[in-house]
Each structure stands twice: as structure tokens, then as C-alpha cells.
N, C-alpha and C. Protein backbone atom coordinates (compact mmCIF):
# COMPACT_ATOMS: atom_id res chain seq x y z
N MET A 1 -33.73 20.55 -21.67
CA MET A 1 -32.61 20.96 -20.82
C MET A 1 -32.49 19.57 -20.01
N ASP A 2 -31.23 19.23 -19.60
CA ASP A 2 -30.88 18.14 -18.95
C ASP A 2 -31.71 18.06 -17.56
N TYR A 3 -31.64 17.05 -16.69
CA TYR A 3 -32.15 17.10 -15.45
C TYR A 3 -31.38 18.15 -14.58
N ILE A 4 -32.45 18.68 -13.90
CA ILE A 4 -32.01 19.72 -12.95
C ILE A 4 -32.24 19.36 -11.62
N PRO A 5 -31.51 19.30 -10.74
CA PRO A 5 -31.75 18.88 -9.24
C PRO A 5 -32.81 19.67 -8.69
N ALA A 6 -33.75 19.06 -7.84
CA ALA A 6 -34.69 19.84 -7.24
C ALA A 6 -34.31 21.22 -6.25
N ASP A 7 -33.07 21.05 -6.04
CA ASP A 7 -32.67 22.10 -4.91
C ASP A 7 -31.76 23.16 -5.66
N THR A 8 -31.86 23.17 -7.01
CA THR A 8 -31.03 24.18 -7.84
C THR A 8 -31.90 24.86 -8.85
N THR A 9 -31.70 26.04 -8.77
CA THR A 9 -32.51 26.83 -9.96
C THR A 9 -32.09 26.43 -11.34
N GLN A 10 -33.02 26.96 -12.18
CA GLN A 10 -32.45 26.69 -13.60
C GLN A 10 -31.23 27.53 -14.03
N ASP A 11 -31.20 28.88 -13.67
CA ASP A 11 -30.13 29.90 -13.76
C ASP A 11 -28.74 29.21 -13.19
N ALA A 12 -28.70 28.75 -11.87
CA ALA A 12 -27.60 28.26 -11.29
C ALA A 12 -27.21 26.84 -12.04
N TYR A 13 -28.21 25.99 -12.36
CA TYR A 13 -27.94 24.94 -13.11
C TYR A 13 -26.93 25.21 -14.45
N ARG A 14 -27.64 26.20 -15.17
CA ARG A 14 -26.86 26.53 -16.38
C ARG A 14 -25.53 27.23 -16.21
N LYS A 15 -25.37 27.96 -15.04
CA LYS A 15 -24.02 28.42 -14.88
C LYS A 15 -23.15 27.29 -14.41
N GLN A 16 -23.64 26.33 -13.47
CA GLN A 16 -22.59 25.34 -13.17
C GLN A 16 -22.25 24.55 -14.55
N ILE A 17 -23.25 24.22 -15.64
CA ILE A 17 -22.89 23.58 -16.64
C ILE A 17 -21.62 24.51 -17.32
N GLU A 18 -21.86 25.72 -17.45
CA GLU A 18 -21.18 26.50 -18.24
C GLU A 18 -19.64 26.60 -17.61
N ILE A 19 -19.58 26.59 -16.13
CA ILE A 19 -18.25 26.41 -15.64
C ILE A 19 -17.73 25.11 -15.94
N LEU A 20 -18.42 24.15 -15.84
CA LEU A 20 -17.92 22.58 -16.13
C LEU A 20 -17.31 22.73 -17.68
N ARG A 21 -17.95 23.25 -18.57
CA ARG A 21 -17.67 23.05 -19.78
C ARG A 21 -16.43 23.81 -20.03
N ASP A 22 -16.21 24.94 -19.26
CA ASP A 22 -14.91 25.79 -19.54
C ASP A 22 -13.88 25.20 -18.94
N MET A 23 -13.92 24.18 -18.05
CA MET A 23 -12.85 23.64 -17.33
C MET A 23 -12.19 22.61 -18.40
N SER A 24 -10.65 22.47 -18.13
CA SER A 24 -10.13 21.46 -19.07
C SER A 24 -10.20 20.13 -18.56
N PRO A 25 -10.29 19.16 -19.44
CA PRO A 25 -10.45 17.73 -19.16
C PRO A 25 -9.92 17.38 -17.73
N GLU A 26 -8.47 17.86 -17.40
CA GLU A 26 -7.79 17.46 -16.32
C GLU A 26 -8.54 18.00 -15.02
N ASP A 27 -9.05 19.38 -15.32
CA ASP A 27 -9.74 19.90 -14.17
C ASP A 27 -10.94 19.32 -13.68
N ARG A 28 -11.66 18.87 -14.52
CA ARG A 28 -12.91 18.17 -14.53
C ARG A 28 -12.52 16.56 -13.86
N ALA A 29 -11.59 15.92 -14.16
CA ALA A 29 -11.00 14.91 -13.63
C ALA A 29 -10.78 14.95 -12.06
N MET A 30 -9.94 15.98 -12.03
CA MET A 30 -9.47 16.39 -10.62
C MET A 30 -10.76 16.69 -9.76
N LEU A 31 -11.92 17.38 -10.08
CA LEU A 31 -13.03 17.72 -9.64
C LEU A 31 -13.57 16.58 -9.20
N ALA A 32 -13.83 15.45 -10.22
CA ALA A 32 -14.71 14.41 -10.05
C ALA A 32 -13.86 13.57 -8.99
N SER A 33 -12.49 13.33 -8.93
CA SER A 33 -11.79 12.84 -7.96
C SER A 33 -12.03 13.33 -6.53
N GLU A 34 -12.19 14.85 -6.56
CA GLU A 34 -12.20 15.44 -5.19
C GLU A 34 -13.59 15.14 -4.61
N LEU A 35 -14.73 15.25 -5.56
CA LEU A 35 -16.16 14.79 -4.97
C LEU A 35 -16.28 13.41 -4.73
N THR A 36 -15.67 12.56 -5.40
CA THR A 36 -15.71 11.25 -5.07
C THR A 36 -14.92 10.69 -3.73
N ASP A 37 -13.73 11.34 -3.50
CA ASP A 37 -13.26 11.31 -2.08
C ASP A 37 -14.13 11.88 -0.98
N ARG A 38 -14.74 13.03 -1.33
CA ARG A 38 -15.45 13.50 -0.11
C ARG A 38 -16.62 12.57 0.08
N ALA A 39 -17.45 12.05 -0.94
CA ALA A 39 -18.52 11.26 -0.79
C ALA A 39 -18.15 9.92 -0.06
N ARG A 40 -16.88 9.44 -0.41
CA ARG A 40 -16.26 8.33 0.30
C ARG A 40 -16.25 8.62 1.70
N GLN A 41 -15.61 9.82 2.14
CA GLN A 41 -15.54 10.25 3.48
C GLN A 41 -16.58 10.30 4.25
N GLU A 42 -17.71 10.81 3.37
CA GLU A 42 -18.94 10.99 4.27
C GLU A 42 -19.59 9.75 4.62
N LEU A 43 -19.43 8.82 3.72
CA LEU A 43 -20.01 7.44 4.07
C LEU A 43 -19.24 6.79 4.86
N ILE A 44 -17.95 6.85 4.97
CA ILE A 44 -17.35 6.27 6.22
C ILE A 44 -17.88 6.94 7.44
N ALA A 45 -17.99 8.22 7.55
CA ALA A 45 -18.27 9.06 8.85
C ALA A 45 -19.86 8.40 9.26
N ASP A 46 -20.63 8.24 8.19
CA ASP A 46 -21.94 7.53 8.48
C ASP A 46 -21.80 6.43 9.01
N ILE A 47 -21.25 5.36 8.42
CA ILE A 47 -21.06 4.22 8.98
C ILE A 47 -20.50 4.10 10.53
N MET A 48 -19.25 5.07 10.75
CA MET A 48 -18.78 5.09 12.22
C MET A 48 -19.91 5.53 13.21
N LYS A 49 -20.85 6.51 12.55
CA LYS A 49 -21.60 7.15 13.45
C LYS A 49 -22.80 5.82 13.57
N GLN A 50 -23.23 5.30 12.50
CA GLN A 50 -24.05 4.08 12.99
C GLN A 50 -23.64 2.91 13.64
N HIS A 51 -22.44 2.72 13.61
CA HIS A 51 -21.75 1.46 14.07
C HIS A 51 -20.52 1.88 14.75
N PRO A 52 -20.69 2.60 15.78
CA PRO A 52 -19.48 2.96 16.65
C PRO A 52 -18.27 1.86 17.08
N GLU A 53 -19.03 0.80 17.32
CA GLU A 53 -18.43 -0.51 17.69
C GLU A 53 -17.32 -1.11 16.60
N PHE A 54 -17.57 -0.54 15.38
CA PHE A 54 -16.80 -1.28 14.21
C PHE A 54 -15.45 -0.90 14.22
N THR A 55 -14.39 -1.84 13.92
CA THR A 55 -13.18 -1.46 13.80
C THR A 55 -13.07 -1.00 12.30
N ARG A 56 -11.80 -0.24 12.36
CA ARG A 56 -11.44 0.10 10.80
C ARG A 56 -11.83 -0.81 9.65
N GLN A 57 -11.22 -2.07 9.89
CA GLN A 57 -11.52 -3.04 8.82
C GLN A 57 -12.90 -3.42 8.53
N GLN A 58 -13.91 -3.41 9.66
CA GLN A 58 -15.26 -3.66 9.44
C GLN A 58 -15.88 -2.40 8.88
N VAL A 59 -15.58 -1.18 8.98
CA VAL A 59 -15.94 0.11 8.31
C VAL A 59 -15.60 -0.06 6.75
N MET A 60 -14.42 -0.59 6.62
CA MET A 60 -14.02 -0.62 5.21
C MET A 60 -14.88 -1.74 4.36
N ARG A 61 -15.12 -2.91 5.01
CA ARG A 61 -15.85 -3.69 4.61
C ARG A 61 -17.29 -3.30 4.34
N GLU A 62 -17.99 -2.56 5.23
CA GLU A 62 -19.27 -1.94 4.98
C GLU A 62 -19.12 -1.09 3.79
N VAL A 63 -18.09 -0.20 3.57
CA VAL A 63 -17.96 0.79 2.46
C VAL A 63 -18.09 -0.15 1.05
N ILE A 64 -17.33 -1.23 1.18
CA ILE A 64 -17.23 -2.05 0.11
C ILE A 64 -18.97 -2.65 -0.40
N ARG A 65 -19.55 -3.14 0.88
CA ARG A 65 -20.85 -3.58 0.85
C ARG A 65 -21.67 -2.57 0.35
N ARG A 66 -21.74 -1.44 0.63
CA ARG A 66 -22.60 -0.18 0.29
C ARG A 66 -22.42 0.10 -1.11
N CYS A 67 -21.00 0.06 -1.69
CA CYS A 67 -20.71 0.83 -2.80
C CYS A 67 -20.80 -0.32 -4.14
N TYR A 68 -20.74 -1.61 -3.76
CA TYR A 68 -20.62 -2.56 -4.85
C TYR A 68 -21.89 -3.56 -4.82
N GLY A 69 -22.66 -3.47 -3.67
CA GLY A 69 -23.75 -4.63 -3.41
C GLY A 69 -23.49 -5.89 -2.56
N GLU A 70 -24.32 -6.31 -2.31
CA GLU A 70 -24.25 -7.60 -1.28
C GLU A 70 -23.55 -8.70 -2.10
N GLU A 71 -24.08 -8.90 -3.37
CA GLU A 71 -23.47 -10.17 -4.18
C GLU A 71 -22.21 -10.10 -4.52
N LEU A 72 -21.52 -8.86 -5.02
CA LEU A 72 -20.40 -8.80 -5.21
C LEU A 72 -19.40 -8.66 -4.00
N TYR A 73 -20.03 -7.85 -2.76
CA TYR A 73 -19.41 -8.09 -1.61
C TYR A 73 -19.32 -9.32 -1.17
N ARG A 74 -20.20 -10.33 -1.17
CA ARG A 74 -19.99 -11.62 -0.72
C ARG A 74 -18.86 -12.50 -1.61
N GLU A 75 -18.86 -12.01 -2.78
CA GLU A 75 -17.76 -12.67 -3.83
C GLU A 75 -16.48 -12.34 -3.37
N ILE A 76 -16.19 -11.02 -2.98
CA ILE A 76 -14.93 -10.48 -2.54
C ILE A 76 -14.67 -11.00 -1.15
N ALA A 77 -15.65 -10.98 -0.20
CA ALA A 77 -15.23 -11.71 1.07
C ALA A 77 -14.76 -13.07 0.92
N ALA A 78 -15.25 -13.75 0.15
CA ALA A 78 -15.03 -15.29 -0.04
C ALA A 78 -13.73 -15.38 -0.54
N ALA A 79 -13.30 -14.40 -1.75
CA ALA A 79 -11.97 -14.40 -2.31
C ALA A 79 -10.78 -14.13 -1.24
N LYS A 80 -11.19 -13.19 -0.31
CA LYS A 80 -10.32 -12.61 0.65
C LYS A 80 -10.39 -13.65 1.91
N GLY A 81 -11.38 -14.47 2.10
CA GLY A 81 -11.47 -15.22 3.22
C GLY A 81 -11.79 -14.57 4.43
N TRP A 82 -12.72 -13.57 4.26
CA TRP A 82 -13.26 -12.78 5.51
C TRP A 82 -14.34 -13.47 6.19
N LYS A 83 -14.18 -13.34 7.42
CA LYS A 83 -15.06 -14.25 8.27
C LYS A 83 -16.25 -12.97 8.78
N GLU A 84 -17.45 -13.54 8.66
CA GLU A 84 -18.53 -12.55 9.31
C GLU A 84 -18.84 -12.63 10.71
């Protein structure tokens, strides 16, 4: 069997897989999009909690840094002319 998350029983995991397999490709894509949006919003909330002094722009830059890594962030920052 595939990887089963530690907080999920084997029966629950099987049911999740069954539900996902029964979904249309469009519904699976919509679910993936919704989960991605939710994760991004949680990341934004976490950054704002850790750095209440950040402006919206600083928060978005930190999202980029955390999602894409320091090296790519620096390339983007240089291309955009962002000052640290």
C-alpha cells in the first residue's frame, strides 16, 4: 500500500483513495487548487503572526522565499530590483 499518514487509519486512508479515484479529473483539479489556496493562506497567516511589522509586500516576498527557496528568491528579487 502507498504511504499512509501517521494520523490516518488504514481504513480511512483507503476510503480517501476510493473517493479521490471516483472523482472526475476536473473535481480532483478543483480540490487540489482549493487545498493549495488554503495552504497558502495558512502560510500567509503564519508569516503575519511571526512578523506583525511586515507590510503586505514583505509578507508576499516571504511567501516566495519559503515556497521557492533562498536561491530562487534572490534571483527574483534581483530581477525585480527589490531592496532588502
